[in-house]
Amino acid sequence: MTPERAADAYLVLFPRRLKQAHIALITWAEEANPEGWPTPRDVCQFARLYGVPRAELGGLVGMLSMRPSVDTREVWVDTVRNPGKATPHFYPQA
């Protein structure tokens, strides 16, 4: 899959509200966080603000979440954490 095809698929496959939350999250994180990447807390806050599932929003920035059982807290895994080698989104950085 080419980057162009992935970007085209992103525009077609994801709901408008989720794309808006994604763009807002990465734009905010680039300026607000020292590494320029969203944190799990950021993902949860933007998901709540935009009314989208936090697991889906987190997945768009390389973060996966799970809750092993109802008695445990949610655990986040950051699958992409090298800002020098990968961007958290399909839009070119200015």
Protein backbone atom coordinates (compact mmCIF):
# COMPACT_ATOMS: atom_id res chain seq x y z
CA MET A 1 0.00 0.00 0.00
CA THR A 2 1.33 3.40 -0.93
CA PRO A 3 1.12 6.45 1.35
CA GLU A 4 -1.23 8.06 -1.16
CA ARG A 5 -3.58 5.09 -1.08
CA ALA A 6 -3.54 5.03 2.72
CA ALA A 7 -4.38 8.75 2.82
CA ASP A 8 -7.23 8.23 0.34
CA ALA A 9 -8.57 5.34 2.43
CA TYR A 10 -8.38 7.45 5.59
CA LEU A 11 -10.58 10.11 3.99
CA VAL A 12 -13.19 7.55 2.89
CA LEU A 13 -13.24 4.97 5.69
CA PHE A 14 -13.35 6.99 8.89
CA PRO A 15 -16.35 9.01 10.08
CA ARG A 16 -16.09 12.79 9.80
CA ARG A 17 -16.24 13.34 13.57
CA LEU A 18 -13.39 10.88 14.20
CA LYS A 19 -11.25 12.61 11.56
CA GLN A 20 -11.98 15.98 13.15
CA ALA A 21 -10.98 14.65 16.57
CA HIS A 22 -7.82 13.13 15.11
CA ILE A 23 -6.76 16.36 13.40
CA ALA A 24 -7.51 18.41 16.52
CA LEU A 25 -5.63 15.96 18.75
CA ILE A 26 -2.46 15.85 16.66
CA THR A 27 -2.49 19.58 16.04
CA TRP A 28 -2.80 20.27 19.76
CA ALA A 29 -0.21 17.66 20.77
CA GLU A 30 2.38 18.98 18.32
CA GLU A 31 2.36 22.30 20.18
CA ALA A 32 1.43 21.29 23.73
CA ASN A 33 3.56 18.22 24.42
CA PRO A 34 7.37 18.25 24.57
CA GLU A 35 7.66 15.30 22.15
CA GLY A 36 4.86 16.56 19.92
CA TRP A 37 2.86 13.36 20.42
CA PRO A 38 -0.48 12.79 22.16
CA THR A 39 -0.56 11.04 25.50
CA PRO A 40 -3.22 8.55 26.60
CA ARG A 41 -4.77 11.30 28.70
CA ASP A 42 -4.92 13.57 25.63
CA VAL A 43 -6.62 10.81 23.64
CA CYS A 44 -9.26 10.32 26.35
CA GLN A 45 -9.93 14.05 26.66
CA PHE A 46 -10.29 14.62 22.91
CA ALA A 47 -12.43 11.49 22.51
CA ARG A 48 -14.77 12.77 25.20
CA LEU A 49 -14.79 16.29 23.71
CA TYR A 50 -15.63 15.04 20.21
CA GLY A 51 -17.87 12.17 21.30
CA VAL A 52 -15.85 9.45 19.59
CA PRO A 53 -14.58 6.10 20.89
CA ARG A 54 -11.22 6.59 22.59
CA ALA A 55 -9.91 3.24 21.36
CA GLU A 56 -10.49 4.29 17.74
CA LEU A 57 -8.97 7.73 18.24
CA GLY A 58 -6.01 6.23 20.07
CA GLY A 59 -5.51 3.73 17.28
CA LEU A 60 -5.12 6.56 14.79
CA VAL A 61 -2.09 7.83 16.73
CA GLY A 62 -0.60 4.41 17.42
CA MET A 63 -2.00 3.85 20.90
CA LEU A 64 -3.87 0.70 21.81
CA SER A 65 -5.92 0.30 24.96
CA MET A 66 -7.40 -2.60 26.82
CA ARG A 67 -9.04 -3.37 30.10
CA PRO A 68 -8.10 -6.89 31.22
CA SER A 69 -11.23 -7.12 33.39
CA VAL A 70 -13.94 -4.86 34.72
CA ASP A 71 -12.09 -4.73 38.04
CA THR A 72 -8.88 -3.33 36.55
CA ARG A 73 -7.98 0.00 35.07
CA GLU A 74 -7.48 0.62 31.40
CA VAL A 75 -3.96 0.00 30.10
CA TRP A 76 -2.48 1.89 27.13
CA VAL A 77 0.33 0.71 24.88
CA ASP A 78 2.10 3.23 22.68
CA THR A 79 3.06 1.37 19.52
CA VAL A 80 4.72 4.31 17.75
CA ARG A 81 6.96 6.48 19.87
CA ASN A 82 9.82 7.62 17.71
CA PRO A 83 8.77 11.01 16.32
CA GLY A 84 11.93 11.21 14.21
CA LYS A 85 11.01 8.14 12.20
CA ALA A 86 7.22 8.12 12.02
CA THR A 87 4.46 10.71 12.06
CA PRO A 88 1.23 10.06 13.99
CA HIS A 89 -0.92 11.07 11.05
CA PHE A 90 -1.15 11.19 7.26
CA TYR A 91 -0.80 14.94 6.89
CA PRO A 92 2.63 16.40 6.09
CA GLN A 93 4.25 18.41 8.83
CA ALA A 94 4.90 22.06 8.01
